[in-house]
Amino acid sequence: MDFTKIKLPIAIIGVIVAQAFGIIWYVANLDSTVRNLDESVSTMQEEATTIDIAVLQTDLENIKEKIQMMDETHSEKFDPTELEEAIEELDEAIDELEKMDVLMENEMRTIMSDHNSFNAVLEDLGKSGYGDSREYGNYDY
């Protein structure tokens, strides 16, 4: 078949070019979305960790103060209810932290899955002639 003799209307060529630009635009938007989500998750993890550490340090200081007050008063009768309540509050705080950790882990796995899918799209585009050599996914997580 001689390709020099094939005549294609300009409209068909224009539609094909428009679709190619549309795919490139879509992939660029996906890239931006994934980056924004990745940054958001990192920021949320840092903020949650910082806040949780500060809360636990404050709780520990409060417990130390209560123990010191008990030592200073030299009371022969020890009432462990306040200490037990503080320990129970810390247990609840730890449970909440574990729940947040599971949630962040799930979000991170979702983002990593999106990266792997995005990498597959880029590979398919590369096979079809799109010259982008970026890779996403394949993280050791």
C-alpha atoms as a PDB file:
ATOM      1  CA  MET A   1       0.000   0.000   0.000  1.00  0.00           C
ATOM      2  CA  ASP A   2       1.414   3.366  -0.981  1.00  0.00           C
ATOM      3  CA  PHE A   3       0.829   5.911   1.794  1.00  0.00           C
ATOM      4  CA  THR A   4       1.689   8.870  -0.405  1.00  0.00           C
ATOM      5  CA  LYS A   5      -1.544   8.414  -2.343  1.00  0.00           C
ATOM      6  CA  ILE A   6      -3.823   8.351   0.703  1.00  0.00           C
ATOM      7  CA  LYS A   7      -5.745  11.590   1.112  1.00  0.00           C
ATOM      8  CA  LEU A   8      -7.060  12.437   4.559  1.00  0.00           C
ATOM      9  CA  PRO A   9      -9.256  15.440   5.205  1.00  0.00           C
ATOM     10  CA  ILE A  10      -7.733  18.171   7.335  1.00  0.00           C
ATOM     11  CA  ALA A  11     -10.637  17.810   9.798  1.00  0.00           C
ATOM     12  CA  ILE A  12      -9.670  14.203  10.615  1.00  0.00           C
ATOM     13  CA  ILE A  13      -6.034  15.180  11.106  1.00  0.00           C
ATOM     14  CA  GLY A  14      -7.162  18.065  13.319  1.00  0.00           C
ATOM     15  CA  VAL A  15      -9.329  15.761  15.447  1.00  0.00           C
ATOM     16  CA  ILE A  16      -6.439  13.313  15.927  1.00  0.00           C
ATOM     17  CA  VAL A  17      -4.066  16.137  16.926  1.00  0.00           C
ATOM     18  CA  ALA A  18      -6.693  17.570  19.327  1.00  0.00           C
ATOM     19  CA  GLN A  19      -7.127  14.150  20.956  1.00  0.00           C
ATOM     20  CA  ALA A  20      -3.368  13.789  21.373  1.00  0.00           C
ATOM     21  CA  PHE A  21      -3.171  17.189  23.078  1.00  0.00           C
ATOM     22  CA  GLY A  22      -6.164  16.249  25.236  1.00  0.00           C
ATOM     23  CA  ILE A  23      -4.422  13.083  26.438  1.00  0.00           C
ATOM     24  CA  ILE A  24      -1.251  15.018  27.229  1.00  0.00           C
ATOM     25  CA  TRP A  25      -3.270  17.637  29.157  1.00  0.00           C
ATOM     26  CA  TYR A  26      -5.107  14.901  31.099  1.00  0.00           C
ATOM     27  CA  VAL A  27      -1.863  13.153  32.045  1.00  0.00           C
ATOM     28  CA  ALA A  28      -0.361  16.477  33.172  1.00  0.00           C
ATOM     29  CA  ASN A  29      -3.413  17.118  35.385  1.00  0.00           C
ATOM     30  CA  LEU A  30      -3.111  13.619  36.892  1.00  0.00           C
ATOM     31  CA  ASP A  31       0.534  14.294  37.642  1.00  0.00           C
ATOM     32  CA  SER A  32      -0.353  17.549  39.394  1.00  0.00           C
ATOM     33  CA  THR A  33      -3.136  15.914  41.400  1.00  0.00           C
ATOM     34  CA  VAL A  34      -0.905  13.064  42.546  1.00  0.00           C
ATOM     35  CA  ARG A  35       1.831  15.478  43.615  1.00  0.00           C
ATOM     36  CA  ASN A  36      -0.643  17.631  45.550  1.00  0.00           C
ATOM     37  CA  LEU A  37      -2.115  14.601  47.307  1.00  0.00           C
ATOM     38  CA  ASP A  38       1.334  13.294  48.153  1.00  0.00           C
ATOM     39  CA  GLU A  39       2.311  16.650  49.680  1.00  0.00           C
ATOM     40  CA  SER A  40      -0.990  16.814  51.611  1.00  0.00           C
ATOM     41  CA  VAL A  41      -0.484  13.366  53.119  1.00  0.00           C
ATOM     42  CA  SER A  42       3.096  14.200  54.112  1.00  0.00           C
ATOM     43  CA  THR A  43       1.982  17.446  55.750  1.00  0.00           C
ATOM     44  CA  MET A  44      -0.853  15.688  57.596  1.00  0.00           C
ATOM     45  CA  GLN A  45       1.532  13.024  58.884  1.00  0.00           C
ATOM     46  CA  GLU A  46       4.029  15.611  60.123  1.00  0.00           C
ATOM     47  CA  GLU A  47       1.347  17.702  61.834  1.00  0.00           C
ATOM     48  CA  ALA A  48      -0.289  14.691  63.463  1.00  0.00           C
ATOM     49  CA  THR A  49       3.034  13.394  64.741  1.00  0.00           C
ATOM     50  CA  THR A  50       4.074  16.782  66.143  1.00  0.00           C
ATOM     51  CA  ILE A  51       0.750  17.336  67.894  1.00  0.00           C
ATOM     52  CA  ASP A  52       0.642  13.812  69.289  1.00  0.00           C
ATOM     53  CA  ILE A  53       4.159  14.061  70.677  1.00  0.00           C
ATOM     54  CA  ALA A  54       3.351  17.389  72.339  1.00  0.00           C
ATOM     55  CA  VAL A  55       0.173  15.978  73.904  1.00  0.00           C
ATOM     56  CA  LEU A  56       1.969  12.896  75.197  1.00  0.00           C
ATOM     57  CA  GLN A  57       4.783  15.029  76.648  1.00  0.00           C
ATOM     58  CA  THR A  58       2.235  17.212  78.428  1.00  0.00           C
ATOM     59  CA  ASP A  59       0.459  14.158  79.820  1.00  0.00           C
ATOM     60  CA  LEU A  60       3.767  12.732  81.019  1.00  0.00           C
ATOM     61  CA  GLU A  61       4.655  16.009  82.733  1.00  0.00           C
ATOM     62  CA  ASN A  62       1.254  16.041  84.455  1.00  0.00           C
ATOM     63  CA  ILE A  63       1.792  12.497  85.720  1.00  0.00           C
ATOM     64  CA  LYS A  64       5.267  13.409  86.998  1.00  0.00           C
ATOM     65  CA  GLU A  65       3.824  16.407  88.836  1.00  0.00           C
ATOM     66  CA  LYS A  66       1.117  14.269  90.438  1.00  0.00           C
ATOM     67  CA  ILE A  67       3.694  11.708  91.589  1.00  0.00           C
ATOM     68  CA  GLN A  68       5.915  14.457  92.956  1.00  0.00           C
ATOM     69  CA  MET A  69       2.979  15.986  94.836  1.00  0.00           C
ATOM     70  CA  MET A  70       2.213  12.593  96.349  1.00  0.00           C
ATOM     71  CA  ASP A  71       5.838  12.194  97.427  1.00  0.00           C
ATOM     72  CA  GLU A  72       5.887  15.669  98.979  1.00  0.00           C
ATOM     73  CA  THR A  73       2.783  15.121 101.043  1.00  0.00           C
ATOM     74  CA  HIS A  74       4.066  11.759 102.329  1.00  0.00           C
ATOM     75  CA  SER A  75       0.561  10.610 102.645  1.00  0.00           C
ATOM     76  CA  GLU A  76       0.308   7.126 104.012  1.00  0.00           C
ATOM     77  CA  LYS A  77      -2.896   6.523 102.166  1.00  0.00           C
ATOM     78  CA  PHE A  78      -2.305   6.232  98.449  1.00  0.00           C
ATOM     79  CA  ASP A  79      -5.288   6.736  96.174  1.00  0.00           C
ATOM     80  CA  PRO A  80      -4.396   5.438  92.729  1.00  0.00           C
ATOM     81  CA  THR A  81      -7.626   6.607  91.048  1.00  0.00           C
ATOM     82  CA  GLU A  82      -6.089   9.760  89.556  1.00  0.00           C
ATOM     83  CA  LEU A  83      -3.131   7.805  88.273  1.00  0.00           C
ATOM     84  CA  GLU A  84      -5.400   5.128  86.836  1.00  0.00           C
ATOM     85  CA  GLU A  85      -7.502   7.795  85.126  1.00  0.00           C
ATOM     86  CA  ALA A  86      -4.386   9.367  83.624  1.00  0.00           C
ATOM     87  CA  ILE A  87      -3.227   5.964  82.388  1.00  0.00           C
ATOM     88  CA  GLU A  88      -6.671   5.313  80.918  1.00  0.00           C
ATOM     89  CA  GLU A  89      -6.563   8.680  79.104  1.00  0.00           C
ATOM     90  CA  LEU A  90      -3.139   7.829  77.720  1.00  0.00           C
ATOM     91  CA  ASP A  91      -4.422   4.449  76.546  1.00  0.00           C
ATOM     92  CA  GLU A  92      -7.275   6.187  74.743  1.00  0.00           C
ATOM     93  CA  ALA A  93      -4.841   8.663  73.178  1.00  0.00           C
ATOM     94  CA  ILE A  94      -2.665   5.784  72.003  1.00  0.00           C
ATOM     95  CA  ASP A  95      -5.719   4.049  70.515  1.00  0.00           C
ATOM     96  CA  GLU A  96      -6.578   7.232  68.607  1.00  0.00           C
ATOM     97  CA  LEU A  97      -2.985   7.510  67.363  1.00  0.00           C
ATOM     98  CA  GLU A  98      -3.087   3.925  66.159  1.00  0.00           C
ATOM     99  CA  LYS A  99      -6.335   4.625  64.297  1.00  0.00           C
ATOM    100  CA  MET A 100      -4.781   7.707  62.666  1.00  0.00           C
ATOM    101  CA  ASP A 101      -1.706   5.672  61.740  1.00  0.00           C
ATOM    102  CA  VAL A 102      -3.876   3.040  60.032  1.00  0.00           C
ATOM    103  CA  LEU A 103      -5.765   5.770  58.168  1.00  0.00           C
ATOM    104  CA  MET A 104      -2.549   7.452  56.994  1.00  0.00           C
ATOM    105  CA  GLU A 105      -1.153   4.066  55.958  1.00  0.00           C
ATOM    106  CA  ASN A 106      -4.278   3.429  53.885  1.00  0.00           C
ATOM    107  CA  GLU A 107      -4.048   6.866  52.258  1.00  0.00           C
ATOM    108  CA  MET A 108      -0.368   6.319  51.459  1.00  0.00           C
ATOM    109  CA  ARG A 109      -1.119   2.939  49.872  1.00  0.00           C
ATOM    110  CA  THR A 110      -3.856   4.574  47.780  1.00  0.00           C
ATOM    111  CA  ILE A 111      -1.431   7.222  46.568  1.00  0.00           C
ATOM    112  CA  MET A 112       1.214   4.600  45.782  1.00  0.00           C
ATOM    113  CA  SER A 113      -1.384   2.613  43.835  1.00  0.00           C
ATOM    114  CA  ASP A 114      -2.288   5.753  41.888  1.00  0.00           C
ATOM    115  CA  HIS A 115       1.404   6.286  41.111  1.00  0.00           C
ATOM    116  CA  ASN A 116       1.698   2.733  39.806  1.00  0.00           C
ATOM    117  CA  SER A 117      -1.370   3.248  37.594  1.00  0.00           C
ATOM    118  CA  PHE A 118      -0.011   6.568  36.415  1.00  0.00           C
ATOM    119  CA  ASN A 119       3.265   4.866  35.516  1.00  0.00           C
ATOM    120  CA  ALA A 120       1.364   2.324  33.409  1.00  0.00           C
ATOM    121  CA  VAL A 121      -0.371   5.172  31.535  1.00  0.00           C
ATOM    122  CA  LEU A 122       2.983   6.836  30.873  1.00  0.00           C
ATOM    123  CA  GLU A 123       4.438   3.554  29.622  1.00  0.00           C
ATOM    124  CA  ASP A 124       1.502   3.108  27.242  1.00  0.00           C
ATOM    125  CA  LEU A 125       1.944   6.659  26.002  1.00  0.00           C
ATOM    126  CA  GLY A 126       5.671   6.015  25.568  1.00  0.00           C
ATOM    127  CA  LYS A 127       4.933   2.979  23.430  1.00  0.00           C
ATOM    128  CA  SER A 128       2.666   5.074  21.247  1.00  0.00           C
ATOM    129  CA  GLY A 129       5.340   7.687  20.623  1.00  0.00           C
ATOM    130  CA  TYR A 130       4.875  10.169  23.451  1.00  0.00           C
ATOM    131  CA  GLY A 131       8.421  11.086  24.489  1.00  0.00           C
ATOM    132  CA  ASP A 132       8.009  11.413  28.277  1.00  0.00           C
ATOM    133  CA  SER A 133      10.515   9.288  30.213  1.00  0.00           C
ATOM    134  CA  ARG A 134       9.251   9.934  33.763  1.00  0.00           C
ATOM    135  CA  GLU A 135       8.380   6.966  35.958  1.00  0.00           C
ATOM    136  CA  TYR A 136       5.943   6.742  38.801  1.00  0.00           C
ATOM    137  CA  GLY A 137       5.320   3.948  41.252  1.00  0.00           C
ATOM    138  CA  ASN A 138       7.662   1.038  41.939  1.00  0.00           C
ATOM    139  CA  TYR A 139       8.319   2.367  45.433  1.00  0.00           C
ATOM    140  CA  ASP A 140       9.806   0.197  48.137  1.00  0.00           C
ATOM    141  CA  TYR A 141       7.032   0.913  50.594  1.00  0.00           C
END
